[in-house]
Amino acid sequence: MSAIVSIKCPQCKKEAPLADNPYRPFCSKRCKMIDLGTWANEGYRIPGEKAPEHEEEEDE
């Protein structure tokens, strides 16, 4: 078996080194930040059941 030397960046699909890459699995800080922004803007979603809506109870 041969060791994996590089992988495709999940953002831009360019080859990225696996070893000594601080942005792994991304090829650069830019690609890493684009992906983080997509998560922050709820661009990615994990399938599942919708959480029930809770109404705030008011103290009287």
N, C-alpha and C. Protein backbone atom coordinates (compact mmCIF):
# COMPACT_ATOMS: atom_id res chain seq x y z
N MET A 1 0.83 -1.19 0.00
CA MET A 1 0.00 0.00 0.00
C MET A 1 0.86 1.24 0.00
N SER A 2 0.43 2.24 -0.74
CA SER A 2 1.18 3.50 -0.76
C SER A 2 0.49 4.51 0.15
N ALA A 3 1.29 5.39 0.72
CA ALA A 3 0.76 6.42 1.60
C ALA A 3 0.11 7.52 0.78
N ILE A 4 -0.96 8.10 1.32
CA ILE A 4 -1.62 9.20 0.64
C ILE A 4 -0.78 10.45 0.84
N VAL A 5 -0.41 11.10 -0.24
CA VAL A 5 0.48 12.25 -0.20
C VAL A 5 -0.33 13.55 -0.33
N SER A 6 -1.41 13.51 -1.11
CA SER A 6 -2.22 14.71 -1.28
C SER A 6 -3.69 14.32 -1.39
N ILE A 7 -4.54 15.32 -1.17
CA ILE A 7 -5.98 15.13 -1.27
C ILE A 7 -6.56 16.31 -2.05
N LYS A 8 -7.80 16.17 -2.50
CA LYS A 8 -8.46 17.28 -3.18
C LYS A 8 -9.11 18.17 -2.14
N CYS A 9 -8.91 19.46 -2.29
CA CYS A 9 -9.52 20.45 -1.41
C CYS A 9 -11.04 20.36 -1.58
N PRO A 10 -11.81 20.23 -0.49
CA PRO A 10 -13.26 20.12 -0.63
C PRO A 10 -13.92 21.39 -1.17
N GLN A 11 -13.23 22.50 -1.10
CA GLN A 11 -13.80 23.77 -1.56
C GLN A 11 -13.52 24.03 -3.04
N CYS A 12 -12.25 24.03 -3.43
CA CYS A 12 -11.88 24.40 -4.82
C CYS A 12 -11.47 23.20 -5.67
N LYS A 13 -11.33 22.05 -5.07
CA LYS A 13 -10.99 20.79 -5.76
C LYS A 13 -9.55 20.71 -6.26
N LYS A 14 -8.67 21.65 -5.85
CA LYS A 14 -7.25 21.57 -6.21
C LYS A 14 -6.58 20.54 -5.31
N GLU A 15 -5.48 19.97 -5.81
CA GLU A 15 -4.70 19.05 -5.00
C GLU A 15 -4.03 19.80 -3.86
N ALA A 16 -4.10 19.25 -2.65
CA ALA A 16 -3.50 19.88 -1.48
C ALA A 16 -2.64 18.84 -0.76
N PRO A 17 -1.45 19.23 -0.30
CA PRO A 17 -0.61 18.28 0.43
C PRO A 17 -1.26 17.89 1.74
N LEU A 18 -1.11 16.64 2.10
CA LEU A 18 -1.71 16.15 3.34
C LEU A 18 -0.79 16.42 4.53
N ALA A 19 0.49 16.20 4.34
CA ALA A 19 1.45 16.40 5.42
C ALA A 19 1.85 17.87 5.54
N ASP A 20 2.05 18.32 6.75
CA ASP A 20 2.50 19.68 7.04
C ASP A 20 1.59 20.75 6.42
N ASN A 21 0.31 20.50 6.38
CA ASN A 21 -0.65 21.45 5.84
C ASN A 21 -1.53 21.94 7.00
N PRO A 22 -1.33 23.18 7.48
CA PRO A 22 -2.11 23.67 8.63
C PRO A 22 -3.59 23.87 8.30
N TYR A 23 -3.96 23.86 7.03
CA TYR A 23 -5.35 24.09 6.64
C TYR A 23 -6.05 22.81 6.21
N ARG A 24 -5.42 21.68 6.43
CA ARG A 24 -5.95 20.38 6.04
C ARG A 24 -7.38 20.22 6.52
N PRO A 25 -8.33 19.79 5.75
CA PRO A 25 -8.23 19.20 4.42
C PRO A 25 -8.28 20.23 3.29
N PHE A 26 -8.27 21.51 3.62
CA PHE A 26 -8.33 22.55 2.61
C PHE A 26 -6.92 22.85 2.10
N CYS A 27 -6.84 23.54 0.96
CA CYS A 27 -5.53 23.84 0.39
C CYS A 27 -4.98 25.15 0.92
N SER A 28 -5.85 26.03 1.43
CA SER A 28 -5.41 27.35 1.87
C SER A 28 -6.33 27.89 2.95
N LYS A 29 -5.90 28.96 3.58
CA LYS A 29 -6.73 29.63 4.58
C LYS A 29 -8.00 30.17 3.93
N ARG A 30 -7.88 30.66 2.70
CA ARG A 30 -9.03 31.20 1.99
C ARG A 30 -10.13 30.15 1.85
N CYS A 31 -9.79 28.96 1.39
CA CYS A 31 -10.78 27.90 1.23
C CYS A 31 -11.38 27.50 2.58
N LYS A 32 -10.57 27.47 3.60
CA LYS A 32 -11.04 27.12 4.93
C LYS A 32 -12.05 28.16 5.43
N MET A 33 -11.77 29.44 5.20
CA MET A 33 -12.66 30.51 5.66
C MET A 33 -13.96 30.55 4.85
N ILE A 34 -13.89 30.25 3.56
CA ILE A 34 -15.10 30.17 2.75
C ILE A 34 -16.02 29.09 3.30
N ASP A 35 -15.46 27.93 3.64
CA ASP A 35 -16.24 26.84 4.19
C ASP A 35 -16.84 27.23 5.55
N LEU A 36 -16.05 27.87 6.39
CA LEU A 36 -16.55 28.31 7.69
C LEU A 36 -17.70 29.30 7.53
N GLY A 37 -17.57 30.22 6.58
CA GLY A 37 -18.63 31.19 6.32
C GLY A 37 -19.91 30.53 5.85
N THR A 38 -19.78 29.48 5.06
CA THR A 38 -20.97 28.75 4.61
C THR A 38 -21.68 28.11 5.78
N TRP A 39 -20.93 27.53 6.71
CA TRP A 39 -21.54 26.96 7.92
C TRP A 39 -22.21 28.06 8.75
N ALA A 40 -21.53 29.20 8.92
CA ALA A 40 -22.05 30.29 9.74
C ALA A 40 -23.33 30.88 9.15
N ASN A 41 -23.44 30.88 7.83
CA ASN A 41 -24.64 31.41 7.17
C ASN A 41 -25.70 30.34 6.95
N GLU A 42 -25.52 29.20 7.59
CA GLU A 42 -26.44 28.06 7.51
C GLU A 42 -26.62 27.56 6.08
N GLY A 43 -25.53 27.61 5.31
CA GLY A 43 -25.55 27.10 3.95
C GLY A 43 -25.51 25.58 3.88
N TYR A 44 -24.95 24.96 4.90
CA TYR A 44 -24.94 23.51 5.01
C TYR A 44 -25.98 23.12 6.05
N ARG A 45 -26.63 22.02 5.81
CA ARG A 45 -27.62 21.55 6.77
C ARG A 45 -27.43 20.05 6.98
N ILE A 46 -27.61 19.64 8.21
CA ILE A 46 -27.54 18.23 8.55
C ILE A 46 -28.97 17.73 8.63
N PRO A 47 -29.33 16.69 7.86
CA PRO A 47 -30.71 16.22 7.86
C PRO A 47 -31.13 15.69 9.22
N GLY A 48 -32.36 15.90 9.54
CA GLY A 48 -32.91 15.41 10.80
C GLY A 48 -34.27 16.01 11.03
N GLU A 49 -34.86 15.64 12.15
CA GLU A 49 -36.17 16.16 12.49
C GLU A 49 -36.05 17.59 13.00
N LYS A 50 -37.06 18.39 12.67
CA LYS A 50 -37.07 19.78 13.11
C LYS A 50 -37.32 19.82 14.61
N ALA A 51 -36.58 20.68 15.29
CA ALA A 51 -36.74 20.83 16.74
C ALA A 51 -38.08 21.49 17.04
N PRO A 52 -38.73 21.09 18.11
CA PRO A 52 -40.02 21.70 18.45
C PRO A 52 -39.85 23.17 18.83
N GLU A 53 -40.85 23.97 18.48
CA GLU A 53 -40.84 25.38 18.81
C GLU A 53 -41.26 25.54 20.27
N HIS A 54 -40.53 26.34 21.01
CA HIS A 54 -40.87 26.62 22.41
C HIS A 54 -41.26 28.07 22.54
N GLU A 55 -42.39 28.28 23.16
CA GLU A 55 -42.82 29.65 23.41
C GLU A 55 -42.24 30.10 24.75
N GLU A 56 -41.83 31.35 24.80
CA GLU A 56 -41.31 31.92 26.03
C GLU A 56 -42.44 32.11 27.02
N GLU A 57 -42.25 31.66 28.25
CA GLU A 57 -43.25 31.89 29.27
C GLU A 57 -42.96 33.22 29.94
N GLU A 58 -44.01 34.02 30.07
CA GLU A 58 -43.85 35.33 30.68
C GLU A 58 -44.11 35.23 32.17
N ASP A 59 -43.27 35.87 32.97
CA ASP A 59 -43.48 35.92 34.41
C ASP A 59 -44.51 37.02 34.69
N GLU A 60 -45.52 36.70 35.48
CA GLU A 60 -46.53 37.71 35.80
C GLU A 60 -46.41 38.14 37.21
